Amino acid sequence: MDTITVLHASAPGAPARIAAIAAEAQANGYDRVETRYEPPTGTYVVTGEPTASR
């Protein structure tokens, strides 16, 4: 899994921005995209598995 982005929860519009980044990753060649919130660091993380053709 590749880490696509990390965004701190205090960033303006963080949940919506994370959702948009995840959708864009799926549209641009990632088969499995996951988002998660990591409470210890206060960050959202988007990870993805590149398609086999990459």
N, C-alpha and C. Protein backbone atom coordinates (compact mmCIF):
# COMPACT_ATOMS: atom_id res chain seq x y z
N MET A 1 0.85 -1.18 0.00
CA MET A 1 0.00 0.00 0.00
C MET A 1 0.89 1.24 0.00
N ASP A 2 0.56 2.17 -0.86
CA ASP A 2 1.25 3.45 -0.90
C ASP A 2 0.52 4.43 0.01
N THR A 3 1.27 5.28 0.69
CA THR A 3 0.66 6.39 1.40
C THR A 3 0.46 7.49 0.38
N ILE A 4 -0.78 7.91 0.21
CA ILE A 4 -1.10 8.92 -0.80
C ILE A 4 -1.01 10.31 -0.19
N THR A 5 -1.57 10.48 0.99
CA THR A 5 -1.48 11.78 1.66
C THR A 5 -1.74 11.62 3.15
N VAL A 6 -1.27 12.60 3.90
CA VAL A 6 -1.54 12.71 5.33
C VAL A 6 -1.96 14.16 5.56
N LEU A 7 -3.06 14.32 6.31
CA LEU A 7 -3.58 15.67 6.55
C LEU A 7 -4.00 15.78 8.00
N HIS A 8 -3.57 16.83 8.67
CA HIS A 8 -3.94 17.01 10.07
C HIS A 8 -5.41 17.36 10.19
N ALA A 9 -6.05 16.82 11.21
CA ALA A 9 -7.49 17.02 11.41
C ALA A 9 -7.87 18.47 11.62
N SER A 10 -6.94 19.31 12.05
CA SER A 10 -7.26 20.71 12.29
C SER A 10 -7.26 21.55 11.00
N ALA A 11 -6.82 20.96 9.90
CA ALA A 11 -6.83 21.68 8.62
C ALA A 11 -8.28 21.99 8.22
N PRO A 12 -8.54 23.18 7.72
CA PRO A 12 -9.90 23.53 7.32
C PRO A 12 -10.48 22.54 6.31
N GLY A 13 -11.65 22.01 6.61
CA GLY A 13 -12.33 21.08 5.71
C GLY A 13 -11.66 19.74 5.57
N ALA A 14 -10.90 19.32 6.56
CA ALA A 14 -10.11 18.09 6.46
C ALA A 14 -10.92 16.87 6.02
N PRO A 15 -12.05 16.55 6.65
CA PRO A 15 -12.78 15.34 6.22
C PRO A 15 -13.21 15.38 4.75
N ALA A 16 -13.68 16.51 4.28
CA ALA A 16 -14.10 16.63 2.88
C ALA A 16 -12.89 16.55 1.94
N ARG A 17 -11.79 17.16 2.34
CA ARG A 17 -10.60 17.11 1.50
C ARG A 17 -10.06 15.69 1.41
N ILE A 18 -10.08 14.96 2.51
CA ILE A 18 -9.62 13.57 2.51
C ILE A 18 -10.51 12.73 1.60
N ALA A 19 -11.82 12.93 1.68
CA ALA A 19 -12.74 12.18 0.81
C ALA A 19 -12.47 12.48 -0.67
N ALA A 20 -12.21 13.74 -0.99
CA ALA A 20 -11.93 14.12 -2.37
C ALA A 20 -10.61 13.52 -2.86
N ILE A 21 -9.61 13.50 -2.01
CA ILE A 21 -8.32 12.91 -2.38
C ILE A 21 -8.47 11.41 -2.61
N ALA A 22 -9.23 10.74 -1.76
CA ALA A 22 -9.46 9.30 -1.93
C ALA A 22 -10.18 9.01 -3.24
N ALA A 23 -11.18 9.81 -3.55
CA ALA A 23 -11.91 9.62 -4.81
C ALA A 23 -11.00 9.86 -6.02
N GLU A 24 -10.16 10.87 -5.93
CA GLU A 24 -9.24 11.16 -7.03
C GLU A 24 -8.23 10.02 -7.20
N ALA A 25 -7.77 9.44 -6.10
CA ALA A 25 -6.83 8.32 -6.18
C ALA A 25 -7.47 7.13 -6.89
N GLN A 26 -8.72 6.85 -6.58
CA GLN A 26 -9.42 5.76 -7.25
C GLN A 26 -9.58 6.04 -8.74
N ALA A 27 -9.83 7.27 -9.08
CA ALA A 27 -10.00 7.64 -10.48
C ALA A 27 -8.68 7.63 -11.25
N ASN A 28 -7.57 7.68 -10.51
CA ASN A 28 -6.26 7.78 -11.16
C ASN A 28 -5.37 6.55 -10.94
N GLY A 29 -5.98 5.37 -10.85
CA GLY A 29 -5.18 4.16 -10.88
C GLY A 29 -4.93 3.42 -9.59
N TYR A 30 -5.68 3.67 -8.57
CA TYR A 30 -5.55 2.90 -7.34
C TYR A 30 -6.79 2.04 -7.17
N ASP A 31 -6.56 0.71 -7.05
CA ASP A 31 -7.68 -0.23 -6.92
C ASP A 31 -8.33 -0.15 -5.54
N ARG A 32 -7.55 -0.26 -4.53
CA ARG A 32 -8.07 -0.28 -3.17
C ARG A 32 -7.57 0.96 -2.43
N VAL A 33 -8.47 1.82 -2.07
CA VAL A 33 -8.12 3.05 -1.37
C VAL A 33 -8.76 3.01 0.01
N GLU A 34 -7.97 3.32 1.03
CA GLU A 34 -8.47 3.32 2.39
C GLU A 34 -8.17 4.67 3.04
N THR A 35 -9.10 5.11 3.87
CA THR A 35 -8.86 6.32 4.66
C THR A 35 -9.00 5.94 6.13
N ARG A 36 -8.22 6.59 6.95
CA ARG A 36 -8.33 6.33 8.39
C ARG A 36 -7.92 7.57 9.16
N TYR A 37 -8.42 7.63 10.37
CA TYR A 37 -8.05 8.70 11.29
C TYR A 37 -7.15 8.10 12.35
N GLU A 38 -6.04 8.72 12.63
CA GLU A 38 -5.11 8.24 13.64
C GLU A 38 -5.13 9.19 14.84
N PRO A 39 -5.88 8.82 15.89
CA PRO A 39 -6.05 9.70 17.05
C PRO A 39 -4.75 10.14 17.74
N PRO A 40 -3.74 9.28 17.87
CA PRO A 40 -2.55 9.76 18.59
C PRO A 40 -1.88 10.97 17.93
N THR A 41 -1.93 11.01 16.59
CA THR A 41 -1.27 12.12 15.89
C THR A 41 -2.26 13.17 15.39
N GLY A 42 -3.55 12.85 15.45
CA GLY A 42 -4.56 13.79 14.96
C GLY A 42 -4.55 13.95 13.46
N THR A 43 -4.20 12.90 12.73
CA THR A 43 -4.10 12.99 11.29
C THR A 43 -5.05 12.02 10.59
N TYR A 44 -5.44 12.42 9.38
CA TYR A 44 -6.14 11.53 8.47
C TYR A 44 -5.09 11.01 7.50
N VAL A 45 -5.20 9.73 7.13
CA VAL A 45 -4.25 9.12 6.22
C VAL A 45 -5.02 8.44 5.10
N VAL A 46 -4.57 8.64 3.88
CA VAL A 46 -5.15 7.96 2.73
C VAL A 46 -4.06 7.04 2.16
N THR A 47 -4.38 5.75 2.04
CA THR A 47 -3.45 4.80 1.45
C THR A 47 -4.14 4.11 0.29
N GLY A 48 -3.35 3.57 -0.63
CA GLY A 48 -3.93 2.90 -1.78
C GLY A 48 -3.02 1.85 -2.37
N GLU A 49 -3.63 0.89 -3.02
CA GLU A 49 -2.90 -0.17 -3.73
C GLU A 49 -2.94 0.16 -5.22
N PRO A 50 -1.77 0.38 -5.83
CA PRO A 50 -1.75 0.71 -7.26
C PRO A 50 -2.31 -0.45 -8.08
N THR A 51 -2.89 -0.14 -9.21
CA THR A 51 -3.37 -1.19 -10.11
C THR A 51 -2.17 -2.00 -10.61
N ALA A 52 -2.44 -3.19 -11.04
CA ALA A 52 -1.37 -4.09 -11.50
C ALA A 52 -0.63 -3.55 -12.71
N SER A 53 -1.28 -2.70 -13.48
CA SER A 53 -0.65 -2.17 -14.70
C SER A 53 0.35 -1.05 -14.43
N ARG A 54 0.46 -0.61 -13.20
CA ARG A 54 1.40 0.48 -12.87
C ARG A 54 2.77 -0.03 -12.61
